[in-house]
Amino acid sequence: MKIQRKKTNIVKIGDIKIGGLNPIVIQSMTSTDTADIQATTSQIIKLYNAGSQMIRITVNNDDSAKAVVKIKEKLLQKNINVPLIGDFHFNGDRLLKRHLGCAESLNKYRINPGNIKDNQFLNLIELAIKHNKAIRIGVNWGSLDQSLLAKMLDKNNQKKQSLPLDVINKQAVIESAISSAKLAEKIGLSKNKIILSCKMSAVQDLIDVYRDLNRSCNYALHLGLTEAGLGNKGIVSSVAALSILLQQGIGDTIRISITPIGQQKRDEEVKIARQLLQSMQINFFKPEIIACPGCGRTSSDSFIKLAQASENFINKNYHKWQHKKNINNIKIAVMGCVVNGPGESKYADIGISLPGSGEDMVAPIYINGKKSMTVKGENMADDFLKILKKYLDGLE
């Protein structure tokens, strides 16, 4: 089933185009103190190298605002021109007025109307117009404009059949985002400078809100499940919510928000976002490894080791092939026994079906749907990697 995306307003942020039918953009956010120039620059580079196309940084005080210019300079010295987004709450208008270098260095301002007064919103929009910057109006469940919510609750209470509180809350989130965007346009900001987000922390709430938001406006939309949670819970919740919305053609840019635990690195969220888009066949970033999960027929872990070795081999050498026309669409199958191995290998671009328990140490290799050769003995894995290299080198 082909995904039919909605053609939203196109917003240009740096050299990146968001919305319309442009590829869905992955973004992330640093966790460092922005005033720590070295630590923030280092984390931005790691996120960028992992595949983040835009990176948000916290700008919450004078020190962080001053640091933005130097961070941008350090990135440009390394030929990294990734768009930087300033995350403002409570005092963004004052910081941007005091630090013009910060206002110019950032490519987009992220503001939450629930955390600022009306005059501050006006000031921020005027600053965005002055510096020709895009904005993201980001409404969060946890920081909703309480005066707006109170008005909507009063109106609801006057109805003969009032709506449940959770429905009013969702409607208020959407109303806050759209009315703020319309006000920004009235002040003079182009619709092609506005991105909206309405982040929730529960999967079903996020799906409901974005479906309604998508029907109610034509602004470019940023998808993300806020406070998704720790480890696997955060990953599963984010992927569950975003995949449903993306399948329905909703969303122009995404972020996977997970709370890192243990040795989990910040750039993990970027890798998850890339894998989500590739698994859904929306965007393709590199050749894909297909491997069976293993069962009682695969008492040996040789197929697991070869799948990992193939993945590492691709990651290490991808720069040599990235210019090739269809490199990112290549599927590589590493299978563990005769049950599904030949079939999966045959339908991949290149694949190997390793022997399972009790099978002869022989592995057929399929290329472009045909059995091309057989490898035998203890060096089957090394032989396959050599064949894989030759195959990828030979692509146009």
Protein backbone atom coordinates (compact mmCIF):
# COMPACT_ATOMS: atom_id res chain seq x y z
CA MET A 1 0.00 0.00 0.00
CA LYS A 2 1.50 3.30 -1.09
CA ILE A 3 1.45 6.10 1.47
CA GLN A 4 -0.41 9.18 0.25
CA ARG A 5 1.17 12.16 1.98
CA LYS A 6 -0.63 15.44 2.42
CA LYS A 7 0.93 18.34 0.55
CA THR A 8 1.50 20.80 3.38
CA ASN A 9 3.12 24.24 3.24
CA ILE A 10 6.83 24.08 2.43
CA VAL A 11 9.15 25.60 5.04
CA LYS A 12 12.85 26.10 4.31
CA ILE A 13 15.19 25.83 7.29
CA GLY A 14 18.78 26.40 6.28
CA ASP A 15 19.20 24.19 3.22
CA ILE A 16 16.49 21.76 4.35
CA LYS A 17 12.96 21.85 2.96
CA ILE A 18 10.18 20.57 5.20
CA GLY A 19 6.63 19.92 4.05
CA GLY A 20 5.05 19.63 0.63
CA LEU A 21 6.14 16.27 -0.68
CA ASN A 22 9.75 16.68 0.42
CA PRO A 23 11.37 13.72 2.21
CA ILE A 24 10.51 13.47 5.89
CA VAL A 25 13.24 15.15 7.93
CA ILE A 26 14.80 13.65 11.06
CA GLN A 27 15.68 15.95 13.91
CA SER A 28 17.04 15.58 17.43
CA MET A 29 17.98 17.65 20.47
CA THR A 30 21.12 18.03 22.55
CA SER A 31 21.14 17.24 26.27
CA THR A 32 24.19 19.35 27.12
CA ASP A 33 24.33 22.75 28.80
CA THR A 34 24.48 24.95 25.69
CA ALA A 35 26.83 27.32 27.52
CA ASP A 36 29.36 24.48 27.46
CA ILE A 37 30.49 25.17 23.90
CA GLN A 38 32.80 22.19 23.52
CA ALA A 39 30.36 19.61 24.91
CA THR A 40 27.44 20.96 22.89
CA THR A 41 29.44 21.16 19.66
CA SER A 42 30.70 17.63 20.19
CA GLN A 43 27.19 16.27 20.75
CA ILE A 44 25.81 18.11 17.73
CA ILE A 45 28.51 16.53 15.56
CA LYS A 46 27.64 13.05 16.89
CA LEU A 47 23.95 13.60 16.22
CA TYR A 48 24.71 14.94 12.75
CA ASN A 49 26.99 12.01 11.93
CA ALA A 50 24.25 9.62 13.08
CA GLY A 51 21.90 11.19 10.54
CA SER A 52 20.11 14.07 12.28
CA GLN A 53 19.23 16.69 9.68
CA MET A 54 18.28 19.42 12.15
CA ILE A 55 19.35 19.80 15.76
CA ARG A 56 17.63 21.66 18.57
CA ILE A 57 19.57 23.26 21.40
CA THR A 58 18.36 24.80 24.64
CA VAL A 59 18.62 28.59 24.83
CA ASN A 60 17.48 29.50 28.32
CA ASN A 61 19.87 32.18 29.59
CA ASP A 62 22.44 34.75 28.49
CA ASP A 63 25.36 32.33 28.62
CA SER A 64 23.65 29.84 26.34
CA ALA A 65 22.60 32.60 23.94
CA LYS A 66 26.17 33.89 23.75
CA ALA A 67 27.44 30.37 23.09
CA VAL A 68 25.26 29.83 20.01
CA VAL A 69 27.45 31.99 17.75
CA LYS A 70 30.64 30.18 18.76
CA ILE A 71 28.99 26.77 18.39
CA LYS A 72 27.89 27.69 14.87
CA GLU A 73 31.40 28.88 14.02
CA LYS A 74 32.97 25.65 15.25
CA LEU A 75 30.55 23.58 13.21
CA LEU A 76 31.20 25.57 10.04
CA GLN A 77 34.93 25.14 10.56
CA LYS A 78 34.30 21.41 10.26
CA ASN A 79 32.09 21.94 7.16
CA ILE A 80 28.97 21.04 9.13
CA ASN A 81 26.12 23.36 8.21
CA VAL A 82 23.32 21.54 9.98
CA PRO A 83 20.36 23.81 10.83
CA LEU A 84 20.23 24.75 14.52
CA ILE A 85 16.93 25.29 16.29
CA GLY A 86 16.74 27.44 19.40
CA ASP A 87 14.47 26.01 22.08
CA PHE A 88 12.93 28.95 23.96
CA HIS A 89 10.66 29.02 26.99
CA PHE A 90 9.64 31.96 29.20
CA ASN A 91 12.33 34.48 28.11
CA GLY A 92 13.10 33.87 24.44
CA ASP A 93 12.12 37.34 23.24
CA ARG A 94 14.46 39.03 25.73
CA LEU A 95 17.36 36.72 24.89
CA LEU A 96 17.00 37.23 21.13
CA LYS A 97 16.82 41.00 21.54
CA ARG A 98 19.93 41.07 23.71
CA HIS A 99 21.94 38.65 21.58
CA LEU A 100 21.57 39.47 17.89
CA GLY A 101 24.33 37.01 16.99
CA CYS A 102 22.24 34.22 18.46
CA ALA A 103 19.16 35.42 16.60
CA GLU A 104 21.07 35.32 13.31
CA SER A 105 22.94 32.05 13.91
CA LEU A 106 19.83 30.00 14.65
CA ASN A 107 17.83 28.72 11.70
CA LYS A 108 14.53 28.30 13.53
CA TYR A 109 12.96 29.36 16.81
CA ARG A 110 10.88 26.89 18.81
CA ILE A 111 8.29 28.58 21.00
CA ASN A 112 5.52 27.28 23.25
CA PRO A 113 2.59 29.73 23.50
CA GLY A 114 1.56 28.16 26.80
CA ASN A 115 4.77 29.34 28.47
CA ILE A 116 4.79 33.00 27.38
CA LYS A 117 2.57 36.07 27.58
CA ASP A 118 0.81 37.56 24.57
CA ASN A 119 3.30 40.44 24.24
CA GLN A 120 6.20 37.96 24.33
CA PHE A 121 4.63 35.95 21.52
CA LEU A 122 4.25 39.15 19.50
CA ASN A 123 7.91 40.03 20.14
CA LEU A 124 9.13 36.58 19.09
CA ILE A 125 7.15 36.64 15.86
CA GLU A 126 8.45 40.12 15.04
CA LEU A 127 12.00 38.92 15.70
CA ALA A 128 11.46 35.92 13.42
CA ILE A 129 10.23 38.27 10.68
CA LYS A 130 13.15 40.65 11.22
CA HIS A 131 15.76 37.90 11.00
CA ASN A 132 13.89 35.90 8.32
CA LYS A 133 13.62 32.78 10.49
CA ALA A 134 11.12 29.97 10.62
CA ILE A 135 9.33 29.08 13.85
CA ARG A 136 7.86 25.95 15.35
CA ILE A 137 4.83 26.60 17.47
CA GLY A 138 5.04 23.65 19.82
CA VAL A 139 2.10 23.03 22.13
CA ASN A 140 2.64 20.37 24.78
CA TRP A 141 0.00 18.66 26.86
CA GLY A 142 1.88 19.52 30.03
CA SER A 143 2.22 23.24 29.31
CA LEU A 144 -1.10 24.10 27.73
CA ASP A 145 -2.39 27.69 27.92
CA GLN A 146 -4.62 27.44 30.99
CA SER A 147 -6.70 30.51 30.15
CA LEU A 148 -7.61 29.01 26.77
CA LEU A 149 -8.45 25.69 28.39
CA ALA A 150 -10.64 27.43 30.99
CA LYS A 151 -12.60 29.25 28.27
CA MET A 152 -13.17 26.03 26.33
CA LEU A 153 -14.26 24.20 29.49
CA ASP A 154 -16.74 26.97 30.35
CA LYS A 155 -18.16 26.82 26.82
CA ASN A 156 -18.41 23.05 27.03
CA ASN A 157 -20.25 23.19 30.37
CA GLN A 158 -22.93 25.36 28.78
CA LYS A 159 -23.81 22.65 26.28
CA LYS A 160 -26.73 20.31 26.88
CA GLN A 161 -24.46 17.35 26.22
CA SER A 162 -20.97 18.30 27.34
CA LEU A 163 -17.92 16.50 26.00
CA PRO A 164 -15.53 14.50 28.22
CA LEU A 165 -12.62 16.39 29.76
CA ASP A 166 -9.98 14.50 27.75
CA VAL A 167 -11.70 15.50 24.49
CA ILE A 168 -11.71 19.17 25.51
CA ASN A 169 -8.04 18.93 26.47
CA LYS A 170 -7.17 17.59 23.01
CA GLN A 171 -9.26 20.24 21.30
CA ALA A 172 -7.54 22.92 23.38
CA VAL A 173 -4.09 21.71 22.32
CA ILE A 174 -5.09 21.92 18.65
CA GLU A 175 -6.82 25.28 19.08
CA SER A 176 -3.76 26.73 20.82
CA ALA A 177 -1.47 25.67 17.97
CA ILE A 178 -3.68 26.80 15.08
CA SER A 179 -4.81 30.08 16.65
CA SER A 180 -1.19 30.93 17.47
CA ALA A 181 -0.17 30.19 13.88
CA LYS A 182 -3.00 32.36 12.53
CA LEU A 183 -1.96 35.16 14.88
CA ALA A 184 1.63 34.86 13.66
CA GLU A 185 0.40 35.20 10.08
CA LYS A 186 -1.68 38.23 11.06
CA ILE A 187 1.41 39.85 12.56
CA GLY A 188 3.19 39.32 9.25
CA LEU A 189 4.96 35.95 9.33
CA SER A 190 4.55 33.91 6.16
CA LYS A 191 2.73 30.58 6.38
CA ASN A 192 5.86 29.14 4.78
CA LYS A 193 7.77 30.01 7.96
CA ILE A 194 5.50 28.09 10.34
CA ILE A 195 5.69 24.50 11.60
CA LEU A 196 3.26 23.13 14.17
CA SER A 197 3.52 20.40 16.77
CA CYS A 198 1.03 19.17 19.36
CA LYS A 199 2.96 16.70 21.46
CA MET A 200 1.30 14.28 23.85
CA SER A 201 2.75 11.61 26.13
CA ALA A 202 0.21 8.84 25.39
CA VAL A 203 0.13 6.99 22.08
CA GLN A 204 -3.63 7.11 21.43
CA ASP A 205 -3.85 10.77 22.42
CA LEU A 206 -1.07 11.69 20.00
CA ILE A 207 -2.77 9.81 17.15
CA ASP A 208 -6.14 11.48 17.85
CA VAL A 209 -4.67 14.97 18.07
CA TYR A 210 -2.57 14.76 14.91
CA ARG A 211 -5.40 13.30 12.87
CA ASP A 212 -7.57 16.27 13.83
CA LEU A 213 -4.71 18.75 13.44
CA ASN A 214 -3.95 17.41 9.98
CA ARG A 215 -7.60 17.83 8.94
CA SER A 216 -7.75 21.35 10.38
CA CYS A 217 -4.77 23.04 8.74
CA ASN A 218 -2.18 22.93 5.99
CA TYR A 219 0.87 23.84 8.07
CA ALA A 220 3.92 21.58 8.02
CA LEU A 221 3.75 19.20 11.00
CA HIS A 222 6.44 18.02 13.40
CA LEU A 223 5.70 14.58 14.90
CA GLY A 224 6.94 13.36 18.23
CA LEU A 225 5.73 11.60 21.36
CA THR A 226 6.92 13.68 24.30
CA GLU A 227 8.07 12.03 27.55
CA ALA A 228 7.92 8.69 25.77
CA GLY A 229 9.81 6.97 28.59
CA LEU A 230 12.88 4.89 29.35
CA GLY A 231 14.58 2.37 27.09
CA ASN A 232 12.38 -0.11 25.25
CA LYS A 233 9.17 1.46 26.50
CA GLY A 234 10.08 4.81 24.97
CA ILE A 235 11.16 3.20 21.71
CA VAL A 236 8.03 1.06 21.36
CA SER A 237 5.66 3.90 22.26
CA SER A 238 7.28 6.36 19.86
CA VAL A 239 7.44 3.90 16.97
CA ALA A 240 3.85 2.74 17.57
CA ALA A 241 2.47 6.28 17.47
CA LEU A 242 4.58 7.68 14.67
CA SER A 243 4.26 4.69 12.36
CA ILE A 244 0.45 4.92 12.41
CA LEU A 245 0.50 8.63 11.62
CA LEU A 246 3.17 8.29 8.95
CA GLN A 247 1.22 5.47 7.29
CA GLN A 248 -1.72 7.86 7.03
CA GLY A 249 0.47 10.44 5.31
CA ILE A 250 0.67 12.72 8.34
CA GLY A 251 3.96 14.37 9.32
CA ASP A 252 6.80 16.26 7.66
CA THR A 253 9.55 16.01 10.27
CA ILE A 254 10.00 13.61 13.19
CA ARG A 255 11.88 13.21 16.43
CA ILE A 256 12.08 10.08 18.57
CA SER A 257 12.21 11.28 22.18
CA ILE A 258 13.57 8.62 24.50
CA THR A 259 15.17 8.88 27.92
CA PRO A 260 18.65 7.32 27.65
CA ILE A 261 19.50 4.73 30.32
CA GLY A 262 22.84 3.26 31.27
CA GLN A 263 25.34 3.54 28.44
CA GLN A 264 22.70 4.38 25.84
CA LYS A 265 23.96 7.25 23.71
CA ARG A 266 22.05 10.36 22.73
CA ASP A 267 22.36 9.59 19.03
CA GLU A 268 20.38 6.37 19.52
CA GLU A 269 17.18 8.33 18.93
CA VAL A 270 18.44 9.35 15.49
CA LYS A 271 19.26 5.76 14.54
CA ILE A 272 15.79 4.65 15.63
CA ALA A 273 14.17 7.39 13.56
CA ARG A 274 16.16 6.37 10.49
CA GLN A 275 15.29 2.71 10.98
CA LEU A 276 11.61 3.59 11.39
CA LEU A 277 11.52 5.46 8.09
CA GLN A 278 13.50 2.76 6.30
CA SER A 279 11.41 -0.09 7.72
CA MET A 280 8.28 1.69 6.50
CA GLN A 281 9.92 2.17 3.08
CA ILE A 282 9.47 5.94 3.36
CA ASN A 283 13.12 6.98 3.25
CA PHE A 284 16.14 4.81 2.48
CA PHE A 285 19.51 5.52 4.08
CA LYS A 286 21.71 2.47 3.49
CA PRO A 287 21.52 -1.21 2.42
CA GLU A 288 19.27 -3.26 4.69
CA ILE A 289 20.24 -6.52 6.36
CA ILE A 290 17.51 -9.16 6.64
CA ALA A 291 18.17 -11.94 9.16
CA CYS A 292 16.01 -14.69 10.64
CA PRO A 293 15.31 -14.65 14.40
CA GLY A 294 16.69 -18.15 14.99
CA CYS A 295 14.97 -21.30 16.25
CA GLY A 296 15.74 -24.84 17.31
CA ARG A 297 17.12 -25.59 13.85
CA THR A 298 19.79 -22.91 14.28
CA SER A 299 21.75 -24.14 17.28
CA SER A 300 24.82 -22.41 15.83
CA ASP A 301 25.04 -18.62 16.14
CA SER A 302 27.01 -18.36 12.90
CA PHE A 303 24.16 -16.62 11.05
CA ILE A 304 23.88 -14.03 13.84
CA LYS A 305 27.59 -13.34 13.74
CA LEU A 306 27.52 -13.05 9.95
CA ALA A 307 24.52 -10.69 10.05
CA GLN A 308 26.39 -8.50 12.54
CA ALA A 309 29.58 -8.70 10.50
CA SER A 310 27.67 -7.72 7.36
CA GLU A 311 26.08 -4.76 9.17
CA ASN A 312 29.47 -3.59 10.45
CA PHE A 313 30.97 -4.08 7.00
CA ILE A 314 28.27 -1.88 5.43
CA ASN A 315 28.62 0.83 8.07
CA LYS A 316 32.41 0.91 7.75
CA ASN A 317 32.50 1.04 3.96
CA TYR A 318 29.28 2.83 3.07
CA HIS A 319 31.13 6.02 2.11
CA LYS A 320 32.68 4.13 -0.81
CA TRP A 321 29.27 3.27 -2.29
CA GLN A 322 27.02 6.13 -1.22
CA HIS A 323 27.29 7.78 -4.66
CA LYS A 324 25.83 4.70 -6.38
CA LYS A 325 22.33 5.15 -7.72
CA ASN A 326 20.36 2.42 -5.89
CA ILE A 327 22.69 1.57 -3.03
CA ASN A 328 20.16 2.48 -0.33
CA ASN A 329 17.53 0.13 -1.77
CA ILE A 330 19.75 -2.96 -1.59
CA LYS A 331 18.52 -5.83 0.60
CA ILE A 332 20.99 -8.36 1.97
CA ALA A 333 19.66 -11.60 3.49
CA VAL A 334 21.60 -13.63 6.05
CA MET A 335 19.54 -16.70 6.91
CA GLY A 336 20.16 -19.53 9.34
CA CYS A 337 18.68 -22.75 7.88
CA VAL A 338 17.05 -24.42 4.91
CA VAL A 339 13.43 -23.69 5.94
CA ASN A 340 13.19 -20.03 4.96
CA GLY A 341 16.79 -19.39 4.01
CA PRO A 342 16.68 -20.06 0.25
CA GLY A 343 13.36 -18.24 -0.21
CA GLU A 344 14.39 -15.09 1.67
CA SER A 345 17.82 -15.09 0.01
CA LYS A 346 16.21 -15.43 -3.40
CA TYR A 347 13.99 -12.40 -2.86
CA ALA A 348 16.83 -10.24 -1.56
CA ASP A 349 19.32 -8.57 -3.91
CA ILE A 350 22.03 -10.78 -2.47
CA GLY A 351 21.66 -13.42 0.22
CA ILE A 352 23.16 -16.46 1.86
CA SER A 353 21.39 -19.44 3.39
CA LEU A 354 23.66 -20.87 6.08
CA PRO A 355 23.30 -24.48 7.25
CA GLY A 356 21.19 -25.21 10.32
CA SER A 357 21.59 -27.97 12.89
CA GLY A 358 22.55 -31.28 11.28
CA GLU A 359 22.88 -29.77 7.81
CA ASP A 360 25.99 -30.04 5.65
CA MET A 361 28.45 -27.14 5.90
CA VAL A 362 27.32 -25.75 2.56
CA ALA A 363 25.66 -22.40 1.93
CA PRO A 364 24.10 -21.32 -1.37
CA ILE A 365 24.40 -17.65 -2.31
CA TYR A 366 21.68 -15.96 -4.35
CA ILE A 367 22.25 -12.81 -6.40
CA ASN A 368 19.38 -10.96 -8.05
CA GLY A 369 17.03 -13.86 -7.49
CA LYS A 370 19.22 -16.64 -8.84
CA LYS A 371 21.47 -19.16 -7.14
CA SER A 372 24.90 -17.96 -8.23
CA MET A 373 27.38 -20.02 -6.23
CA THR A 374 27.96 -22.10 -3.12
CA VAL A 375 30.45 -21.60 -0.29
CA LYS A 376 31.65 -24.39 1.97
CA GLY A 377 33.56 -25.04 5.15
CA GLU A 378 34.69 -22.85 8.05
CA ASN A 379 35.40 -19.75 5.94
CA MET A 380 31.86 -19.33 4.60
CA ALA A 381 31.36 -16.02 6.42
CA ASP A 382 34.58 -14.47 5.12
CA ASP A 383 33.83 -15.74 1.64
CA PHE A 384 30.37 -14.18 1.71
CA LEU A 385 31.74 -10.78 2.79
CA LYS A 386 34.17 -10.86 -0.15
CA ILE A 387 31.32 -11.72 -2.52
CA LEU A 388 29.18 -8.99 -0.96
CA LYS A 389 31.95 -6.43 -1.49
CA LYS A 390 32.34 -7.44 -5.13
CA TYR A 391 28.59 -7.17 -5.65
CA LEU A 392 28.36 -3.68 -4.12
CA ASP A 393 31.49 -2.49 -5.91
CA GLY A 394 29.90 -3.54 -9.18
CA LEU A 395 26.74 -1.46 -8.78
CA GLU A 396 26.37 1.50 -11.10
